Amino acid sequence: MLNTEMAAALNKHLNIELYSAQLYLSMSSYANSMGLKGAATWFMVQYQEEMLHFMKFYQYINSQGEHVTLGPIDAPPAEFASLLQMFEKTLEHEMYITRCINDLTELAVRQKDHATQIFLQWFVTEQIEEEENDREIIGKLKLVGDNGYGLLMIDNELGVRVFTAPPVDGQAP
C-alpha cells in the first residue's frame, strides 16, 4: 500500500505522462502538416509509448490500493520552427521526465517503499533509451542542416518506427 505522499507524487507524474502523450500527438500532427510523414509516424509511436507509460502508472496506483486522480493538463505547443526544434524540445522534455522519475525513485528510497522502487526501475532504464534516441536524431538533423535531400532521408528513416503493443495479460509491461 502506498502512503499518502507517494500516492500523490505518482498521481502527479501520471498526469505528466498524459501531457507527454499530448505533446507528441501535437508534434505528429505538425510534422504531418510539414509533409514529413516519417517524422509524423515517429511522433505517433512516441505518443503511443507515452500512453503506455500513463497506463503503467494508472495500473500501479490502482494495484496498490489507491485511486487515480486526473488533473488539468496544459495544452502542448501546436507549432514548431523546424523538425530540429521538435527534436530539441523532445530531448528537453525527456530530460525533464528523467528528473521526475529520479525524484520519484528518491522518494521511494527515502520511504523504504521497495515495491515502488522496483516499479520505477523500468522507467529509469526507459529514460536512458529515450534521451539517447533523441540525441542521435538531433545529431543527424544538425549534420544535414538545411539540405532537403538529407532531411528526406532522415524522414524516411524515422518513418520505419513502429509501435509494438505489449502482450495482453491485464497489465501493461
C-alpha atoms as a PDB file:
ATOM      1  CA  MET A   1       0.000   0.000   0.000  1.00  0.00           C
ATOM      2  CA  LEU A   2       1.223   3.464  -0.860  1.00  0.00           C
ATOM      3  CA  ASN A   3       1.456   6.192   1.723  1.00  0.00           C
ATOM      4  CA  THR A   4      -0.270   9.497   1.026  1.00  0.00           C
ATOM      5  CA  GLU A   5       2.860  11.339  -0.148  1.00  0.00           C
ATOM      6  CA  MET A   6       3.879   8.598  -2.600  1.00  0.00           C
ATOM      7  CA  ALA A   7       0.354   8.224  -3.949  1.00  0.00           C
ATOM      8  CA  ALA A   8       0.170  11.975  -4.577  1.00  0.00           C
ATOM      9  CA  ALA A   9       3.584  12.004  -6.275  1.00  0.00           C
ATOM     10  CA  LEU A  10       2.677   9.062  -8.531  1.00  0.00           C
ATOM     11  CA  ASN A  11      -0.645  10.692  -9.420  1.00  0.00           C
ATOM     12  CA  LYS A  12       1.154  13.924 -10.278  1.00  0.00           C
ATOM     13  CA  HIS A  13       3.533  12.029 -12.540  1.00  0.00           C
ATOM     14  CA  LEU A  14       0.711  10.091 -14.167  1.00  0.00           C
ATOM     15  CA  ASN A  15      -0.687  13.437 -15.329  1.00  0.00           C
ATOM     16  CA  ILE A  16       2.750  14.460 -16.643  1.00  0.00           C
ATOM     17  CA  GLU A  17       2.805  11.282 -18.737  1.00  0.00           C
ATOM     18  CA  LEU A  18      -0.581  12.250 -20.151  1.00  0.00           C
ATOM     19  CA  TYR A  19       0.829  15.670 -21.097  1.00  0.00           C
ATOM     20  CA  SER A  20       3.770  13.907 -22.755  1.00  0.00           C
ATOM     21  CA  ALA A  21       1.374  11.914 -24.897  1.00  0.00           C
ATOM     22  CA  GLN A  22      -0.433  15.077 -25.961  1.00  0.00           C
ATOM     23  CA  LEU A  23       2.864  16.808 -26.748  1.00  0.00           C
ATOM     24  CA  TYR A  24       3.919  14.028 -29.112  1.00  0.00           C
ATOM     25  CA  LEU A  25       0.479  13.861 -30.692  1.00  0.00           C
ATOM     26  CA  SER A  26       0.743  17.599 -31.392  1.00  0.00           C
ATOM     27  CA  MET A  27       4.222  17.133 -32.865  1.00  0.00           C
ATOM     28  CA  SER A  28       2.953  14.290 -35.043  1.00  0.00           C
ATOM     29  CA  SER A  29       0.231  16.489 -36.458  1.00  0.00           C
ATOM     30  CA  TYR A  30       2.625  19.357 -37.115  1.00  0.00           C
ATOM     31  CA  ALA A  31       5.196  17.100 -38.798  1.00  0.00           C
ATOM     32  CA  ASN A  32       2.385  15.773 -40.965  1.00  0.00           C
ATOM     33  CA  SER A  33       1.408  19.330 -41.951  1.00  0.00           C
ATOM     34  CA  MET A  34       5.068  19.936 -42.937  1.00  0.00           C
ATOM     35  CA  GLY A  35       4.900  16.956 -45.296  1.00  0.00           C
ATOM     36  CA  LEU A  36       7.214  14.911 -43.073  1.00  0.00           C
ATOM     37  CA  LYS A  37       5.203  11.714 -42.894  1.00  0.00           C
ATOM     38  CA  GLY A  38       8.084   9.711 -41.413  1.00  0.00           C
ATOM     39  CA  ALA A  39       8.521  12.153 -38.540  1.00  0.00           C
ATOM     40  CA  ALA A  40       4.743  12.174 -38.069  1.00  0.00           C
ATOM     41  CA  THR A  41       4.893   8.392 -37.710  1.00  0.00           C
ATOM     42  CA  TRP A  42       7.818   8.608 -35.265  1.00  0.00           C
ATOM     43  CA  PHE A  43       5.965  11.062 -33.046  1.00  0.00           C
ATOM     44  CA  MET A  44       2.760   8.981 -33.263  1.00  0.00           C
ATOM     45  CA  VAL A  45       4.692   5.968 -31.971  1.00  0.00           C
ATOM     46  CA  GLN A  46       6.084   8.192 -29.219  1.00  0.00           C
ATOM     47  CA  TYR A  47       2.507   9.193 -28.355  1.00  0.00           C
ATOM     48  CA  GLN A  48       1.530   5.521 -28.105  1.00  0.00           C
ATOM     49  CA  GLU A  49       4.501   4.782 -25.854  1.00  0.00           C
ATOM     50  CA  GLU A  50       3.604   7.684 -23.569  1.00  0.00           C
ATOM     51  CA  MET A  51       0.039   6.400 -23.290  1.00  0.00           C
ATOM     52  CA  LEU A  52       1.509   3.039 -22.314  1.00  0.00           C
ATOM     53  CA  HIS A  53       3.597   4.790 -19.653  1.00  0.00           C
ATOM     54  CA  PHE A  54       0.461   6.576 -18.428  1.00  0.00           C
ATOM     55  CA  MET A  55      -1.349   3.246 -18.170  1.00  0.00           C
ATOM     56  CA  LYS A  56       1.550   1.655 -16.270  1.00  0.00           C
ATOM     57  CA  PHE A  57       1.219   4.369 -13.613  1.00  0.00           C
ATOM     58  CA  TYR A  58      -2.587   4.062 -13.684  1.00  0.00           C
ATOM     59  CA  GLN A  59      -2.460   0.314 -13.108  1.00  0.00           C
ATOM     60  CA  TYR A  60       0.258   0.512 -10.466  1.00  0.00           C
ATOM     61  CA  ILE A  61      -1.555   3.144  -8.423  1.00  0.00           C
ATOM     62  CA  ASN A  62      -4.755   1.101  -8.538  1.00  0.00           C
ATOM     63  CA  SER A  63      -2.912  -2.149  -7.743  1.00  0.00           C
ATOM     64  CA  GLN A  64      -1.551  -0.535  -4.580  1.00  0.00           C
ATOM     65  CA  GLY A  65      -4.998   0.193  -3.188  1.00  0.00           C
ATOM     66  CA  GLU A  66      -5.121   3.838  -4.234  1.00  0.00           C
ATOM     67  CA  HIS A  67      -7.123   5.577  -6.912  1.00  0.00           C
ATOM     68  CA  VAL A  68      -6.011   7.723  -9.811  1.00  0.00           C
ATOM     69  CA  THR A  69      -6.631  11.446  -9.664  1.00  0.00           C
ATOM     70  CA  LEU A  70      -6.642  13.102 -13.074  1.00  0.00           C
ATOM     71  CA  GLY A  71      -5.753  16.766 -13.077  1.00  0.00           C
ATOM     72  CA  PRO A  72      -5.872  19.556 -15.632  1.00  0.00           C
ATOM     73  CA  ILE A  73      -3.283  19.356 -18.387  1.00  0.00           C
ATOM     74  CA  ASP A  74      -1.822  22.370 -20.170  1.00  0.00           C
ATOM     75  CA  ALA A  75      -2.170  22.417 -23.931  1.00  0.00           C
ATOM     76  CA  PRO A  76       1.084  21.475 -25.668  1.00  0.00           C
ATOM     77  CA  PRO A  77       2.638  23.742 -28.307  1.00  0.00           C
ATOM     78  CA  ALA A  78       0.919  23.438 -31.670  1.00  0.00           C
ATOM     79  CA  GLU A  79       3.576  24.894 -33.986  1.00  0.00           C
ATOM     80  CA  PHE A  80       7.308  24.422 -34.328  1.00  0.00           C
ATOM     81  CA  ALA A  81      10.016  26.190 -36.329  1.00  0.00           C
ATOM     82  CA  SER A  82      11.567  23.013 -37.725  1.00  0.00           C
ATOM     83  CA  LEU A  83      11.996  19.298 -37.288  1.00  0.00           C
ATOM     84  CA  LEU A  84      15.239  20.007 -35.450  1.00  0.00           C
ATOM     85  CA  GLN A  85      13.381  22.229 -32.991  1.00  0.00           C
ATOM     86  CA  MET A  86      10.804  19.475 -32.415  1.00  0.00           C
ATOM     87  CA  PHE A  87      13.527  17.007 -31.511  1.00  0.00           C
ATOM     88  CA  GLU A  88      15.361  19.536 -29.346  1.00  0.00           C
ATOM     89  CA  LYS A  89      12.077  20.108 -27.468  1.00  0.00           C
ATOM     90  CA  THR A  90      11.617  16.331 -27.301  1.00  0.00           C
ATOM     91  CA  LEU A  91      15.040  15.894 -25.698  1.00  0.00           C
ATOM     92  CA  GLU A  92      14.393  18.780 -23.310  1.00  0.00           C
ATOM     93  CA  HIS A  93      11.074  17.215 -22.319  1.00  0.00           C
ATOM     94  CA  GLU A  94      12.559  13.739 -21.875  1.00  0.00           C
ATOM     95  CA  MET A  95      15.307  15.180 -19.673  1.00  0.00           C
ATOM     96  CA  TYR A  96      12.548  16.728 -17.545  1.00  0.00           C
ATOM     97  CA  ILE A  97      10.810  13.339 -17.360  1.00  0.00           C
ATOM     98  CA  THR A  98      14.102  11.756 -16.298  1.00  0.00           C
ATOM     99  CA  ARG A  99      14.394  14.268 -13.445  1.00  0.00           C
ATOM    100  CA  CYS A 100      10.807  13.489 -12.412  1.00  0.00           C
ATOM    101  CA  ILE A 101      11.437   9.727 -12.429  1.00  0.00           C
ATOM    102  CA  ASN A 102      14.637  10.243 -10.439  1.00  0.00           C
ATOM    103  CA  ASP A 103      12.725  12.332  -7.886  1.00  0.00           C
ATOM    104  CA  LEU A 104      10.074   9.620  -7.566  1.00  0.00           C
ATOM    105  CA  THR A 105      12.773   6.997  -7.130  1.00  0.00           C
ATOM    106  CA  GLU A 106      14.479   9.061  -4.435  1.00  0.00           C
ATOM    107  CA  LEU A 107      11.158   9.438  -2.626  1.00  0.00           C
ATOM    108  CA  ALA A 108      10.606   5.673  -2.790  1.00  0.00           C
ATOM    109  CA  VAL A 109      14.113   5.089  -1.399  1.00  0.00           C
ATOM    110  CA  ARG A 110      13.579   7.559   1.468  1.00  0.00           C
ATOM    111  CA  GLN A 111      10.284   5.888   2.326  1.00  0.00           C
ATOM    112  CA  LYS A 112      11.747   2.389   2.012  1.00  0.00           C
ATOM    113  CA  ASP A 113       8.965   1.645  -0.495  1.00  0.00           C
ATOM    114  CA  HIS A 114      10.650  -1.285  -2.212  1.00  0.00           C
ATOM    115  CA  ALA A 115       7.702  -2.177  -4.434  1.00  0.00           C
ATOM    116  CA  THR A 116       7.592   1.323  -5.902  1.00  0.00           C
ATOM    117  CA  GLN A 117      11.372   1.309  -6.329  1.00  0.00           C
ATOM    118  CA  ILE A 118      11.089  -1.867  -8.387  1.00  0.00           C
ATOM    119  CA  PHE A 119       8.186  -0.429 -10.403  1.00  0.00           C
ATOM    120  CA  LEU A 120      10.139   2.757 -11.175  1.00  0.00           C
ATOM    121  CA  GLN A 121      13.298   0.912 -12.251  1.00  0.00           C
ATOM    122  CA  TRP A 122      11.700   0.141 -15.624  1.00  0.00           C
ATOM    123  CA  PHE A 123      11.202   3.874 -16.181  1.00  0.00           C
ATOM    124  CA  VAL A 124      14.789   4.697 -15.171  1.00  0.00           C
ATOM    125  CA  THR A 125      16.023   2.342 -17.886  1.00  0.00           C
ATOM    126  CA  GLU A 126      13.450   3.629 -20.381  1.00  0.00           C
ATOM    127  CA  GLN A 127      14.617   7.224 -19.927  1.00  0.00           C
ATOM    128  CA  ILE A 128      18.209   6.302 -20.792  1.00  0.00           C
ATOM    129  CA  GLU A 129      16.928   4.947 -24.118  1.00  0.00           C
ATOM    130  CA  GLU A 130      14.625   7.921 -24.745  1.00  0.00           C
ATOM    131  CA  GLU A 131      17.370  10.510 -24.304  1.00  0.00           C
ATOM    132  CA  GLU A 132      19.891   8.509 -26.338  1.00  0.00           C
ATOM    133  CA  ASN A 133      17.477   8.169 -29.276  1.00  0.00           C
ATOM    134  CA  ASP A 134      16.689  11.886 -29.222  1.00  0.00           C
ATOM    135  CA  ARG A 135      20.365  12.860 -29.161  1.00  0.00           C
ATOM    136  CA  GLU A 136      21.082  10.565 -32.107  1.00  0.00           C
ATOM    137  CA  ILE A 137      18.303  12.108 -34.202  1.00  0.00           C
ATOM    138  CA  ILE A 138      19.360  15.656 -33.259  1.00  0.00           C
ATOM    139  CA  GLY A 139      22.910  14.832 -34.316  1.00  0.00           C
ATOM    140  CA  LYS A 140      21.715  13.625 -37.714  1.00  0.00           C
ATOM    141  CA  LEU A 141      19.487  16.658 -38.204  1.00  0.00           C
ATOM    142  CA  LYS A 142      22.358  19.004 -37.349  1.00  0.00           C
ATOM    143  CA  LEU A 143      24.622  17.106 -39.732  1.00  0.00           C
ATOM    144  CA  VAL A 144      22.287  17.583 -42.717  1.00  0.00           C
ATOM    145  CA  GLY A 145      21.357  21.149 -41.791  1.00  0.00           C
ATOM    146  CA  ASP A 146      19.116  22.696 -44.443  1.00  0.00           C
ATOM    147  CA  ASN A 147      19.898  20.025 -47.043  1.00  0.00           C
ATOM    148  CA  GLY A 148      16.469  18.941 -48.271  1.00  0.00           C
ATOM    149  CA  TYR A 149      17.678  15.594 -49.572  1.00  0.00           C
ATOM    150  CA  GLY A 150      19.299  14.802 -46.219  1.00  0.00           C
ATOM    151  CA  LEU A 151      16.132  15.798 -44.379  1.00  0.00           C
ATOM    152  CA  LEU A 152      14.075  13.491 -46.611  1.00  0.00           C
ATOM    153  CA  MET A 153      16.478  10.626 -45.901  1.00  0.00           C
ATOM    154  CA  ILE A 154      16.110  11.181 -42.157  1.00  0.00           C
ATOM    155  CA  ASP A 155      12.333  11.475 -42.539  1.00  0.00           C
ATOM    156  CA  ASN A 156      12.268   8.110 -44.340  1.00  0.00           C
ATOM    157  CA  GLU A 157      14.374   6.584 -41.560  1.00  0.00           C
ATOM    158  CA  LEU A 158      12.037   7.974 -38.885  1.00  0.00           C
ATOM    159  CA  GLY A 159       9.041   6.513 -40.714  1.00  0.00           C
ATOM    160  CA  VAL A 160      10.084   2.899 -40.174  1.00  0.00           C
ATOM    161  CA  ARG A 161       9.483   3.116 -36.438  1.00  0.00           C
ATOM    162  CA  VAL A 162       6.545   1.022 -35.280  1.00  0.00           C
ATOM    163  CA  PHE A 163       4.730   0.641 -32.003  1.00  0.00           C
ATOM    164  CA  THR A 164       4.716  -2.878 -30.676  1.00  0.00           C
ATOM    165  CA  ALA A 165       1.911  -3.401 -28.230  1.00  0.00           C
ATOM    166  CA  PRO A 166       2.808  -5.396 -25.130  1.00  0.00           C
ATOM    167  CA  PRO A 167       1.265  -8.826 -24.602  1.00  0.00           C
ATOM    168  CA  VAL A 168      -2.229  -8.683 -23.197  1.00  0.00           C
ATOM    169  CA  ASP A 169      -2.187 -10.016 -19.647  1.00  0.00           C
ATOM    170  CA  GLY A 170      -4.249  -7.437 -17.851  1.00  0.00           C
ATOM    171  CA  GLN A 171      -1.169  -5.379 -17.031  1.00  0.00           C
ATOM    172  CA  ALA A 172       0.941  -3.024 -19.115  1.00  0.00           C
ATOM    173  CA  PRO A 173       4.623  -4.017 -19.133  1.00  0.00           C
END
